[in-house]
PDB file of N, CA and C in Angstrom:
ATOM      1  N   MET A   1     -77.059   7.802 -25.575  1.00  0.00           N
ATOM      2  CA  MET A   1     -76.290   6.588 -25.756  1.00  0.00           C
ATOM      3  C   MET A   1     -74.803   6.836 -25.494  1.00  0.00           C
ATOM      4  N   ILE A   2     -74.343   8.007 -25.811  1.00  0.00           N
ATOM      5  CA  ILE A   2     -72.923   8.267 -25.582  1.00  0.00           C
ATOM      6  C   ILE A   2     -72.618   8.273 -24.083  1.00  0.00           C
ATOM      7  N   ALA A   3     -73.577   8.666 -23.286  1.00  0.00           N
ATOM      8  CA  ALA A   3     -73.361   8.664 -21.837  1.00  0.00           C
ATOM      9  C   ALA A   3     -73.294   7.243 -21.288  1.00  0.00           C
ATOM     10  N   LEU A   4     -73.978   6.305 -21.926  1.00  0.00           N
ATOM     11  CA  LEU A   4     -73.922   4.915 -21.483  1.00  0.00           C
ATOM     12  C   LEU A   4     -72.611   4.247 -21.863  1.00  0.00           C
ATOM     13  N   LYS A   5     -72.008   4.654 -22.964  1.00  0.00           N
ATOM     14  CA  LYS A   5     -70.788   4.031 -23.446  1.00  0.00           C
ATOM     15  C   LYS A   5     -69.516   4.703 -22.928  1.00  0.00           C
ATOM     16  N   THR A   6     -69.651   5.826 -22.255  1.00  0.00           N
ATOM     17  CA  THR A   6     -68.489   6.558 -21.767  1.00  0.00           C
ATOM     18  C   THR A   6     -67.897   5.862 -20.550  1.00  0.00           C
ATOM     19  N   ARG A   7     -66.593   5.620 -20.591  1.00  0.00           N
ATOM     20  CA  ARG A   7     -65.924   4.967 -19.475  1.00  0.00           C
ATOM     21  C   ARG A   7     -65.398   5.975 -18.459  1.00  0.00           C
ATOM     22  N   TYR A   8     -64.844   7.075 -18.940  1.00  0.00           N
ATOM     23  CA  TYR A   8     -64.268   8.072 -18.058  1.00  0.00           C
ATOM     24  C   TYR A   8     -64.957   9.407 -18.283  1.00  0.00           C
ATOM     25  N   TRP A   9     -65.529   9.947 -17.223  1.00  0.00           N
ATOM     26  CA  TRP A   9     -66.195  11.243 -17.310  1.00  0.00           C
ATOM     27  C   TRP A   9     -65.202  12.324 -16.905  1.00  0.00           C
ATOM     28  N   VAL A  10     -64.730  13.065 -17.881  1.00  0.00           N
ATOM     29  CA  VAL A  10     -63.817  14.168 -17.631  1.00  0.00           C
ATOM     30  C   VAL A  10     -64.568  15.460 -17.924  1.00  0.00           C
ATOM     31  N   TRP A  11     -63.933  16.595 -17.686  1.00  0.00           N
ATOM     32  CA  TRP A  11     -64.604  17.881 -17.871  1.00  0.00           C
ATOM     33  C   TRP A  11     -65.023  18.070 -19.315  1.00  0.00           C
ATOM     34  N   PHE A  12     -64.234  17.571 -20.269  1.00  0.00           N
ATOM     35  CA  PHE A  12     -64.578  17.745 -21.685  1.00  0.00           C
ATOM     36  C   PHE A  12     -65.847  16.974 -22.036  1.00  0.00           C
ATOM     37  N   THR A  13     -66.015  15.790 -21.454  1.00  0.00           N
ATOM     38  CA  THR A  13     -67.219  15.003 -21.708  1.00  0.00           C
ATOM     39  C   THR A  13     -68.440  15.729 -21.153  1.00  0.00           C
ATOM     40  N   HIS A  14     -68.343  16.230 -19.933  1.00  0.00           N
ATOM     41  CA  HIS A  14     -69.448  16.989 -19.353  1.00  0.00           C
ATOM     42  C   HIS A  14     -69.766  18.215 -20.197  1.00  0.00           C
ATOM     43  N   PHE A  15     -68.722  18.955 -20.584  1.00  0.00           N
ATOM     44  CA  PHE A  15     -68.917  20.162 -21.380  1.00  0.00           C
ATOM     45  C   PHE A  15     -69.606  19.839 -22.703  1.00  0.00           C
ATOM     46  N   THR A  16     -69.198  18.762 -23.345  1.00  0.00           N
ATOM     47  CA  THR A  16     -69.769  18.409 -24.643  1.00  0.00           C
ATOM     48  C   THR A  16     -71.227  17.981 -24.518  1.00  0.00           C
ATOM     49  N   ILE A  17     -71.524  17.087 -23.596  1.00  0.00           N
ATOM     50  CA  ILE A  17     -72.892  16.573 -23.477  1.00  0.00           C
ATOM     51  C   ILE A  17     -73.842  17.655 -22.971  1.00  0.00           C
ATOM     52  N   TRP A  18     -73.497  18.323 -21.867  1.00  0.00           N
ATOM     53  CA  TRP A  18     -74.397  19.347 -21.328  1.00  0.00           C
ATOM     54  C   TRP A  18     -74.442  20.564 -22.237  1.00  0.00           C
ATOM     55  N   GLY A  19     -73.340  20.880 -22.894  1.00  0.00           N
ATOM     56  CA  GLY A  19     -73.352  21.995 -23.845  1.00  0.00           C
ATOM     57  C   GLY A  19     -74.234  21.723 -25.042  1.00  0.00           C
ATOM     58  N   THR A  20     -74.258  20.490 -25.511  1.00  0.00           N
ATOM     59  CA  THR A  20     -75.134  20.133 -26.623  1.00  0.00           C
ATOM     60  C   THR A  20     -76.596  20.252 -26.231  1.00  0.00           C
ATOM     61  N   ILE A  21     -76.940  19.763 -25.050  1.00  0.00           N
ATOM     62  CA  ILE A  21     -78.327  19.854 -24.588  1.00  0.00           C
ATOM     63  C   ILE A  21     -78.728  21.311 -24.402  1.00  0.00           C
ATOM     64  N   LEU A  22     -77.878  22.094 -23.774  1.00  0.00           N
ATOM     65  CA  LEU A  22     -78.185  23.499 -23.547  1.00  0.00           C
ATOM     66  C   LEU A  22     -78.284  24.271 -24.858  1.00  0.00           C
ATOM     67  N   SER A  23     -77.382  24.019 -25.783  1.00  0.00           N
ATOM     68  CA  SER A  23     -77.444  24.727 -27.064  1.00  0.00           C
ATOM     69  C   SER A  23     -78.693  24.351 -27.851  1.00  0.00           C
ATOM     70  N   TYR A  24     -79.145  23.098 -27.744  1.00  0.00           N
ATOM     71  CA  TYR A  24     -80.385  22.716 -28.408  1.00  0.00           C
ATOM     72  C   TYR A  24     -81.572  23.495 -27.845  1.00  0.00           C
ATOM     73  N   LEU A  25     -81.631  23.619 -26.516  1.00  0.00           N
ATOM     74  CA  LEU A  25     -82.726  24.358 -25.906  1.00  0.00           C
ATOM     75  C   LEU A  25     -82.688  25.840 -26.271  1.00  0.00           C
ATOM     76  N   VAL A  26     -81.504  26.434 -26.280  1.00  0.00           N
ATOM     77  CA  VAL A  26     -81.374  27.848 -26.628  1.00  0.00           C
ATOM     78  C   VAL A  26     -81.740  28.078 -28.086  1.00  0.00           C
ATOM     79  N   ILE A  27     -81.266  27.223 -28.970  1.00  0.00           N
ATOM     80  CA  ILE A  27     -81.580  27.378 -30.394  1.00  0.00           C
ATOM     81  C   ILE A  27     -83.078  27.185 -30.633  1.00  0.00           C
ATOM     82  N   SER A  28     -83.699  26.248 -29.948  1.00  0.00           N
ATOM     83  CA  SER A  28     -85.149  26.051 -30.093  1.00  0.00           C
ATOM     84  C   SER A  28     -85.919  27.273 -29.616  1.00  0.00           C
ATOM     85  N   TYR A  29     -85.486  27.845 -28.509  1.00  0.00           N
ATOM     86  CA  TYR A  29     -86.151  29.033 -27.984  1.00  0.00           C
ATOM     87  C   TYR A  29     -85.973  30.215 -28.937  1.00  0.00           C
ATOM     88  N   LEU A  30     -84.758  30.422 -29.430  1.00  0.00           N
ATOM     89  CA  LEU A  30     -84.522  31.533 -30.354  1.00  0.00           C
ATOM     90  C   LEU A  30     -85.262  31.338 -31.665  1.00  0.00           C
ATOM     91  N   TYR A  31     -85.368  30.108 -32.125  1.00  0.00           N
ATOM     92  CA  TYR A  31     -86.126  29.845 -33.347  1.00  0.00           C
ATOM     93  C   TYR A  31     -87.607  30.141 -33.137  1.00  0.00           C
ATOM     94  N   ALA A  32     -88.117  29.802 -31.946  1.00  0.00           N
ATOM     95  CA  ALA A  32     -89.519  30.105 -31.649  1.00  0.00           C
ATOM     96  C   ALA A  32     -89.745  31.611 -31.618  1.00  0.00           C
ATOM     97  N   LEU A  33     -88.781  32.381 -31.135  1.00  0.00           N
ATOM     98  CA  LEU A  33     -88.905  33.838 -31.144  1.00  0.00           C
ATOM     99  C   LEU A  33     -88.776  34.404 -32.550  1.00  0.00           C
ATOM    100  N   TRP A  34     -87.924  33.821 -33.366  1.00  0.00           N
ATOM    101  CA  TRP A  34     -87.641  34.346 -34.691  1.00  0.00           C
ATOM    102  C   TRP A  34     -88.769  34.081 -35.680  1.00  0.00           C
ATOM    103  N   THR A  35     -89.505  32.984 -35.516  1.00  0.00           N
ATOM    104  CA  THR A  35     -90.514  32.633 -36.507  1.00  0.00           C
ATOM    105  C   THR A  35     -91.627  33.663 -36.581  1.00  0.00           C
ATOM    106  N   ASN A  36     -92.105  34.140 -35.448  1.00  0.00           N
ATOM    107  CA  ASN A  36     -93.153  35.156 -35.446  1.00  0.00           C
ATOM    108  C   ASN A  36     -93.104  35.915 -34.130  1.00  0.00           C
ATOM    109  N   PRO A  37     -92.330  36.986 -34.051  1.00  0.00           N
ATOM    110  CA  PRO A  37     -92.169  37.686 -32.777  1.00  0.00           C
ATOM    111  C   PRO A  37     -93.394  38.494 -32.345  1.00  0.00           C
ATOM    112  N   ASN A  38     -94.386  38.691 -33.224  1.00  0.00           N
ATOM    113  CA  ASN A  38     -95.554  39.508 -32.879  1.00  0.00           C
ATOM    114  C   ASN A  38     -96.620  38.727 -32.111  1.00  0.00           C
ATOM    115  N   VAL A  39     -96.621  37.403 -32.231  1.00  0.00           N
ATOM    116  CA  VAL A  39     -97.629  36.601 -31.565  1.00  0.00           C
ATOM    117  C   VAL A  39     -97.167  36.315 -30.143  1.00  0.00           C
ATOM    118  N   VAL A  40     -97.976  36.683 -29.174  1.00  0.00           N
ATOM    119  CA  VAL A  40     -97.597  36.498 -27.789  1.00  0.00           C
ATOM    120  C   VAL A  40     -98.277  35.277 -27.193  1.00  0.00           C
ATOM    121  N   TRP A  41     -99.534  35.052 -27.483  1.00  0.00           N
ATOM    122  CA  TRP A  41    -100.279  33.940 -26.903  1.00  0.00           C
ATOM    123  C   TRP A  41    -100.724  32.998 -28.005  1.00  0.00           C
ATOM    124  N   VAL A  42    -100.436  31.720 -27.821  1.00  0.00           N
ATOM    125  CA  VAL A  42    -100.799  30.733 -28.828  1.00  0.00           C
ATOM    126  C   VAL A  42    -102.302  30.519 -28.876  1.00  0.00           C
ATOM    127  N   HIS A  43    -102.963  30.537 -27.720  1.00  0.00           N
ATOM    128  CA  HIS A  43    -104.386  30.226 -27.706  1.00  0.00           C
ATOM    129  C   HIS A  43    -105.244  31.336 -28.315  1.00  0.00           C
ATOM    130  N   GLU A  44    -104.718  32.557 -28.467  1.00  0.00           N
ATOM    131  CA  GLU A  44    -105.488  33.628 -29.092  1.00  0.00           C
ATOM    132  C   GLU A  44    -105.504  33.506 -30.605  1.00  0.00           C
ATOM    133  N   THR A  45    -104.500  32.907 -31.162  1.00  0.00           N
ATOM    134  CA  THR A  45    -104.459  32.688 -32.609  1.00  0.00           C
ATOM    135  C   THR A  45    -104.246  31.206 -32.857  1.00  0.00           C
ATOM    136  N   ASN A  46    -104.370  30.810 -34.055  1.00  0.00           N
ATOM    137  CA  ASN A  46    -104.121  29.417 -34.417  1.00  0.00           C
ATOM    138  C   ASN A  46    -102.702  29.229 -34.934  1.00  0.00           C
ATOM    139  N   ASP A  47    -101.821  30.139 -34.589  1.00  0.00           N
ATOM    140  CA  ASP A  47    -100.433  30.064 -35.010  1.00  0.00           C
ATOM    141  C   ASP A  47     -99.649  29.208 -34.031  1.00  0.00           C
ATOM    142  N   ALA A  48     -98.600  28.572 -34.507  1.00  0.00           N
ATOM    143  CA  ALA A  48     -97.806  27.679 -33.664  1.00  0.00           C
ATOM    144  C   ALA A  48     -96.561  28.357 -33.104  1.00  0.00           C
ATOM    145  N   SER A  49     -96.532  29.657 -33.083  1.00  0.00           N
ATOM    146  CA  SER A  49     -95.381  30.369 -32.539  1.00  0.00           C
ATOM    147  C   SER A  49     -95.372  30.285 -31.024  1.00  0.00           C
ATOM    148  N   PHE A  50     -94.223  30.344 -30.445  1.00  0.00           N
ATOM    149  CA  PHE A  50     -94.015  30.325 -29.003  1.00  0.00           C
ATOM    150  C   PHE A  50     -94.489  29.039 -28.336  1.00  0.00           C
ATOM    151  N   VAL A  51     -94.633  27.980 -29.094  1.00  0.00           N
ATOM    152  CA  VAL A  51     -95.048  26.706 -28.517  1.00  0.00           C
ATOM    153  C   VAL A  51     -93.976  26.200 -27.563  1.00  0.00           C
ATOM    154  N   PHE A  52     -92.722  26.330 -27.959  1.00  0.00           N
ATOM    155  CA  PHE A  52     -91.627  25.864 -27.102  1.00  0.00           C
ATOM    156  C   PHE A  52     -91.581  26.649 -25.801  1.00  0.00           C
ATOM    157  N   THR A  53     -91.840  27.937 -25.863  1.00  0.00           N
ATOM    158  CA  THR A  53     -91.841  28.761 -24.660  1.00  0.00           C
ATOM    159  C   THR A  53     -92.935  28.313 -23.700  1.00  0.00           C
ATOM    160  N   PHE A  54     -94.107  28.015 -24.227  1.00  0.00           N
ATOM    161  CA  PHE A  54     -95.204  27.565 -23.375  1.00  0.00           C
ATOM    162  C   PHE A  54     -94.960  26.156 -22.842  1.00  0.00           C
ATOM    163  N   LEU A  55     -94.316  25.324 -23.645  1.00  0.00           N
ATOM    164  CA  LEU A  55     -94.004  23.975 -23.171  1.00  0.00           C
ATOM    165  C   LEU A  55     -93.033  24.018 -21.995  1.00  0.00           C
ATOM    166  N   CYS A  56     -92.069  24.910 -22.068  1.00  0.00           N
ATOM    167  CA  CYS A  56     -91.084  25.011 -20.985  1.00  0.00           C
ATOM    168  C   CYS A  56     -91.708  25.516 -19.688  1.00  0.00           C
ATOM    169  N   ALA A  57     -92.866  26.130 -19.773  1.00  0.00           N
ATOM    170  CA  ALA A  57     -93.539  26.612 -18.568  1.00  0.00           C
ATOM    171  C   ALA A  57     -94.370  25.522 -17.904  1.00  0.00           C
ATOM    172  N   CYS A  58     -94.589  24.404 -18.578  1.00  0.00           N
ATOM    173  CA  CYS A  58     -95.428  23.329 -18.027  1.00  0.00           C
ATOM    174  C   CYS A  58     -94.568  22.242 -17.403  1.00  0.00           C
ATOM    175  N   PRO A  59     -94.827  21.869 -16.160  1.00  0.00           N
ATOM    176  CA  PRO A  59     -94.060  20.796 -15.520  1.00  0.00           C
ATOM    177  C   PRO A  59     -94.271  19.434 -16.174  1.00  0.00           C
ATOM    178  N   ILE A  60     -95.435  19.203 -16.754  1.00  0.00           N
ATOM    179  CA  ILE A  60     -95.693  17.912 -17.391  1.00  0.00           C
ATOM    180  C   ILE A  60     -94.778  17.696 -18.602  1.00  0.00           C
ATOM    181  N   PHE A  61     -94.311  18.786 -19.217  1.00  0.00           N
ATOM    182  CA  PHE A  61     -93.377  18.681 -20.338  1.00  0.00           C
ATOM    183  C   PHE A  61     -92.087  18.010 -19.897  1.00  0.00           C
ATOM    184  N   TYR A  62     -91.549  18.404 -18.746  1.00  0.00           N
ATOM    185  CA  TYR A  62     -90.298  17.832 -18.261  1.00  0.00           C
ATOM    186  C   TYR A  62     -90.472  16.371 -17.863  1.00  0.00           C
ATOM    187  N   LEU A  63     -91.603  16.052 -17.265  1.00  0.00           N
ATOM    188  CA  LEU A  63     -91.895  14.659 -16.933  1.00  0.00           C
ATOM    189  C   LEU A  63     -92.005  13.807 -18.192  1.00  0.00           C
ATOM    190  N   THR A  64     -92.657  14.329 -19.209  1.00  0.00           N
ATOM    191  CA  THR A  64     -92.796  13.604 -20.469  1.00  0.00           C
ATOM    192  C   THR A  64     -91.447  13.383 -21.138  1.00  0.00           C
ATOM    193  N   VAL A  65     -90.605  14.394 -21.138  1.00  0.00           N
ATOM    194  CA  VAL A  65     -89.270  14.249 -21.731  1.00  0.00           C
ATOM    195  C   VAL A  65     -88.477  13.181 -20.988  1.00  0.00           C
ATOM    196  N   PHE A  66     -88.543  13.194 -19.665  1.00  0.00           N
ATOM    197  CA  PHE A  66     -87.819  12.210 -18.856  1.00  0.00           C
ATOM    198  C   PHE A  66     -88.316  10.791 -19.141  1.00  0.00           C
ATOM    199  N   VAL A  67     -89.626  10.606 -19.190  1.00  0.00           N
ATOM    200  CA  VAL A  67     -90.196   9.272 -19.437  1.00  0.00           C
ATOM    201  C   VAL A  67     -89.865   8.796 -20.849  1.00  0.00           C
ATOM    202  N   VAL A  68     -89.934   9.675 -21.827  1.00  0.00           N
ATOM    203  CA  VAL A  68     -89.623   9.291 -23.209  1.00  0.00           C
ATOM    204  C   VAL A  68     -88.160   8.891 -23.342  1.00  0.00           C
ATOM    205  N   VAL A  69     -87.278   9.626 -22.698  1.00  0.00           N
ATOM    206  CA  VAL A  69     -85.856   9.271 -22.748  1.00  0.00           C
ATOM    207  C   VAL A  69     -85.620   7.904 -22.101  1.00  0.00           C
ATOM    208  N   LEU A  70     -86.248   7.658 -20.963  1.00  0.00           N
ATOM    209  CA  LEU A  70     -86.115   6.348 -20.321  1.00  0.00           C
ATOM    210  C   LEU A  70     -86.651   5.222 -21.212  1.00  0.00           C
ATOM    211  N   LEU A  71     -87.782   5.459 -21.837  1.00  0.00           N
ATOM    212  CA  LEU A  71     -88.354   4.433 -22.720  1.00  0.00           C
ATOM    213  C   LEU A  71     -87.478   4.179 -23.946  1.00  0.00           C
ATOM    214  N   CYS A  72     -86.837   5.208 -24.440  1.00  0.00           N
ATOM    215  CA  CYS A  72     -85.973   5.041 -25.623  1.00  0.00           C
ATOM    216  C   CYS A  72     -84.656   4.354 -25.276  1.00  0.00           C
ATOM    217  N   ILE A  73     -84.141   4.572 -24.080  1.00  0.00           N
ATOM    218  CA  ILE A  73     -82.861   3.985 -23.694  1.00  0.00           C
ATOM    219  C   ILE A  73     -83.010   2.557 -23.187  1.00  0.00           C
ATOM    220  N   THR A  74     -84.182   2.183 -22.707  1.00  0.00           N
ATOM    221  CA  THR A  74     -84.394   0.862 -22.119  1.00  0.00           C
ATOM    222  C   THR A  74     -84.016  -0.290 -23.044  1.00  0.00           C
ATOM    223  N   PRO A  75     -84.417  -0.317 -24.327  1.00  0.00           N
ATOM    224  CA  PRO A  75     -83.994  -1.434 -25.180  1.00  0.00           C
ATOM    225  C   PRO A  75     -82.471  -1.532 -25.350  1.00  0.00           C
ATOM    226  N   ALA A  76     -81.802  -0.412 -25.450  1.00  0.00           N
ATOM    227  CA  ALA A  76     -80.347  -0.435 -25.618  1.00  0.00           C
ATOM    228  C   ALA A  76     -79.666  -0.960 -24.358  1.00  0.00           C
ATOM    229  N   VAL A  77     -80.157  -0.563 -23.193  1.00  0.00           N
ATOM    230  CA  VAL A  77     -79.570  -1.039 -21.933  1.00  0.00           C
ATOM    231  C   VAL A  77     -79.827  -2.535 -21.775  1.00  0.00           C
ATOM    232  N   LEU A  78     -81.032  -2.976 -22.092  1.00  0.00           N
ATOM    233  CA  LEU A  78     -81.335  -4.411 -22.012  1.00  0.00           C
ATOM    234  C   LEU A  78     -80.464  -5.210 -22.976  1.00  0.00           C
ATOM    235  N   LEU A  79     -80.244  -4.686 -24.165  1.00  0.00           N
ATOM    236  CA  LEU A  79     -79.375  -5.360 -25.132  1.00  0.00           C
ATOM    237  C   LEU A  79     -77.946  -5.447 -24.616  1.00  0.00           C
ATOM    238  N   MET A  80     -77.466  -4.367 -23.982  1.00  0.00           N
ATOM    239  CA  MET A  80     -76.107  -4.391 -23.432  1.00  0.00           C
ATOM    240  C   MET A  80     -75.987  -5.396 -22.288  1.00  0.00           C
ATOM    241  N   LEU A  81     -77.070  -5.622 -21.536  1.00  0.00           N
ATOM    242  CA  LEU A  81     -77.025  -6.568 -20.428  1.00  0.00           C
ATOM    243  C   LEU A  81     -77.213  -8.013 -20.872  1.00  0.00           C
ATOM    244  N   VAL A  82     -78.022  -8.251 -21.889  1.00  0.00           N
ATOM    245  CA  VAL A  82     -78.357  -9.613 -22.307  1.00  0.00           C
ATOM    246  C   VAL A  82     -77.369 -10.159 -23.342  1.00  0.00           C
ATOM    247  N   GLN A  83     -76.803  -9.304 -24.165  1.00  0.00           N
ATOM    248  CA  GLN A  83     -75.922  -9.762 -25.247  1.00  0.00           C
ATOM    249  C   GLN A  83     -74.729 -10.583 -24.757  1.00  0.00           C
ATOM    250  N   PRO A  84     -74.041 -10.218 -23.670  1.00  0.00           N
ATOM    251  CA  PRO A  84     -72.944 -11.076 -23.205  1.00  0.00           C
ATOM    252  C   PRO A  84     -73.413 -12.451 -22.729  1.00  0.00           C
ATOM    253  N   LEU A  85     -74.662 -12.560 -22.307  1.00  0.00           N
ATOM    254  CA  LEU A  85     -75.176 -13.853 -21.870  1.00  0.00           C
ATOM    255  C   LEU A  85     -75.580 -14.744 -23.040  1.00  0.00           C
ATOM    256  N   VAL A  86     -76.135 -14.150 -24.078  1.00  0.00           N
ATOM    257  CA  VAL A  86     -76.632 -14.911 -25.229  1.00  0.00           C
ATOM    258  C   VAL A  86     -75.504 -15.233 -26.201  1.00  0.00           C
ATOM    259  N   SER A  87     -74.769 -14.227 -26.624  1.00  0.00           N
ATOM    260  CA  SER A  87     -73.656 -14.450 -27.549  1.00  0.00           C
ATOM    261  C   SER A  87     -72.433 -13.693 -27.037  1.00  0.00           C
ATOM    262  N   PRO A  88     -71.684 -14.317 -26.136  1.00  0.00           N
ATOM    263  CA  PRO A  88     -70.535 -13.617 -25.551  1.00  0.00           C
ATOM    264  C   PRO A  88     -69.404 -13.444 -26.555  1.00  0.00           C
ATOM    265  N   GLY A  89     -68.738 -12.319 -26.419  1.00  0.00           N
ATOM    266  CA  GLY A  89     -67.568 -12.061 -27.240  1.00  0.00           C
ATOM    267  C   GLY A  89     -66.337 -12.706 -26.613  1.00  0.00           C
ATOM    268  N   GLN A  90     -65.180 -12.449 -27.205  1.00  0.00           N
ATOM    269  CA  GLN A  90     -63.950 -13.051 -26.689  1.00  0.00           C
ATOM    270  C   GLN A  90     -63.633 -12.560 -25.280  1.00  0.00           C
ATOM    271  N   MET A  91     -63.805 -11.263 -25.045  1.00  0.00           N
ATOM    272  CA  MET A  91     -63.504 -10.726 -23.707  1.00  0.00           C
ATOM    273  C   MET A  91     -64.469 -11.271 -22.664  1.00  0.00           C
ATOM    274  N   ASP A  92     -65.740 -11.456 -23.041  1.00  0.00           N
ATOM    275  CA  ASP A  92     -66.708 -12.007 -22.095  1.00  0.00           C
ATOM    276  C   ASP A  92     -66.371 -13.456 -21.764  1.00  0.00           C
ATOM    277  N   THR A  93     -65.903 -14.207 -22.749  1.00  0.00           N
ATOM    278  CA  THR A  93     -65.514 -15.591 -22.515  1.00  0.00           C
ATOM    279  C   THR A  93     -64.319 -15.668 -21.574  1.00  0.00           C
ATOM    280  N   VAL A  94     -63.348 -14.819 -21.785  1.00  0.00           N
ATOM    281  CA  VAL A  94     -62.167 -14.796 -20.918  1.00  0.00           C
ATOM    282  C   VAL A  94     -62.562 -14.409 -19.506  1.00  0.00           C
ATOM    283  N   ARG A  95     -63.442 -13.427 -19.355  1.00  0.00           N
ATOM    284  CA  ARG A  95     -63.890 -13.021 -18.024  1.00  0.00           C
ATOM    285  C   ARG A  95     -64.636 -14.131 -17.304  1.00  0.00           C
ATOM    286  N   PHE A  96     -65.382 -14.937 -18.062  1.00  0.00           N
ATOM    287  CA  PHE A  96     -66.171 -15.994 -17.454  1.00  0.00           C
ATOM    288  C   PHE A  96     -65.302 -17.179 -17.038  1.00  0.00           C
ATOM    289  N   TYR A  97     -64.406 -17.616 -17.908  1.00  0.00           N
ATOM    290  CA  TYR A  97     -63.610 -18.810 -17.637  1.00  0.00           C
ATOM    291  C   TYR A  97     -62.384 -18.548 -16.783  1.00  0.00           C
ATOM    292  N   PHE A  98     -61.895 -17.325 -16.749  1.00  0.00           N
ATOM    293  CA  PHE A  98     -60.711 -16.990 -15.959  1.00  0.00           C
ATOM    294  C   PHE A  98     -61.009 -15.797 -15.054  1.00  0.00           C
ATOM    295  N   PRO A  99     -61.837 -15.998 -14.045  1.00  0.00           N
ATOM    296  CA  PRO A  99     -62.144 -14.861 -13.159  1.00  0.00           C
ATOM    297  C   PRO A  99     -60.920 -14.482 -12.342  1.00  0.00           C
ATOM    298  N   THR A 100     -60.801 -13.223 -12.080  1.00  0.00           N
ATOM    299  CA  THR A 100     -59.670 -12.754 -11.277  1.00  0.00           C
ATOM    300  C   THR A 100     -59.991 -12.946  -9.809  1.00  0.00           C
ATOM    301  N   GLU A 101     -58.998 -13.287  -9.085  1.00  0.00           N
ATOM    302  CA  GLU A 101     -59.152 -13.453  -7.636  1.00  0.00           C
ATOM    303  C   GLU A 101     -58.887 -12.108  -6.986  1.00  0.00           C
ATOM    304  N   TYR A 102     -59.818 -11.669  -6.218  1.00  0.00           N
ATOM    305  CA  TYR A 102     -59.642 -10.412  -5.502  1.00  0.00           C
ATOM    306  C   TYR A 102     -59.185 -10.729  -4.094  1.00  0.00           C
ATOM    307  N   THR A 103     -58.012 -10.313  -3.789  1.00  0.00           N
ATOM    308  CA  THR A 103     -57.501 -10.490  -2.428  1.00  0.00           C
ATOM    309  C   THR A 103     -57.214  -9.105  -1.857  1.00  0.00           C
ATOM    310  N   PRO A 104     -57.922  -8.738  -0.836  1.00  0.00           N
ATOM    311  CA  PRO A 104     -57.698  -7.405  -0.271  1.00  0.00           C
ATOM    312  C   PRO A 104     -56.316  -7.320   0.375  1.00  0.00           C
ATOM    313  N   ILE A 105     -55.756  -6.166   0.281  1.00  0.00           N
ATOM    314  CA  ILE A 105     -54.442  -5.928   0.882  1.00  0.00           C
ATOM    315  C   ILE A 105     -54.613  -5.834   2.394  1.00  0.00           C
ATOM    316  N   LYS A 106     -53.824  -6.588   3.099  1.00  0.00           N
ATOM    317  CA  LYS A 106     -53.912  -6.565   4.557  1.00  0.00           C
ATOM    318  C   LYS A 106     -53.093  -5.372   5.052  1.00  0.00           C
ATOM    319  N   GLU A 107     -53.790  -4.456   5.621  1.00  0.00           N
ATOM    320  CA  GLU A 107     -53.117  -3.264   6.136  1.00  0.00           C
ATOM    321  C   GLU A 107     -52.902  -3.448   7.636  1.00  0.00           C
ATOM    322  N   THR A 108     -51.704  -3.845   7.961  1.00  0.00           N
ATOM    323  CA  THR A 108     -51.398  -4.120   9.370  1.00  0.00           C
ATOM    324  C   THR A 108     -50.770  -2.921  10.056  1.00  0.00           C
ATOM    325  N   TRP A 109     -50.475  -1.886   9.338  1.00  0.00           N
ATOM    326  CA  TRP A 109     -49.805  -0.734   9.947  1.00  0.00           C
ATOM    327  C   TRP A 109     -50.693  -0.017  10.953  1.00  0.00           C
ATOM    328  N   PHE A 110     -52.017  -0.070  10.769  1.00  0.00           N
ATOM    329  CA  PHE A 110     -52.886   0.619  11.711  1.00  0.00           C
ATOM    330  C   PHE A 110     -53.342  -0.297  12.842  1.00  0.00           C
ATOM    331  N   GLN A 111     -53.035  -1.585  12.771  1.00  0.00           N
ATOM    332  CA  GLN A 111     -53.451  -2.506  13.804  1.00  0.00           C
ATOM    333  C   GLN A 111     -52.399  -2.648  14.909  1.00  0.00           C
ATOM    334  N   GLN A 112     -51.267  -2.026  14.781  1.00  0.00           N
ATOM    335  CA  GLN A 112     -50.189  -2.164  15.767  1.00  0.00           C
ATOM    336  C   GLN A 112     -50.432  -1.330  16.990  1.00  0.00           C
TER     337      GLN A 112
END
């Protein structure tokens, strides 16, 4: 959601968002190693260790994460698109009743 509300993408924004995602993945992986380092294969025992490691090896995991994120963001995006139409705020009213006229600058210096 923070990526949808961000107006200006600067290096700090990229560092914060991608750093948070990367740190979550690293911490999850290290936690999976720390819980039971002796178990190597999940299917040989009924232990849930190294589940994250095995999930990262499956391509369907990444597809599922992508689809779930899209499904979770869709209502918020629809709300952001429909809300100005249903109950416009003051800025939306001003934008609707007083549209700005866009007049392109005539650049005649290159036409000579």
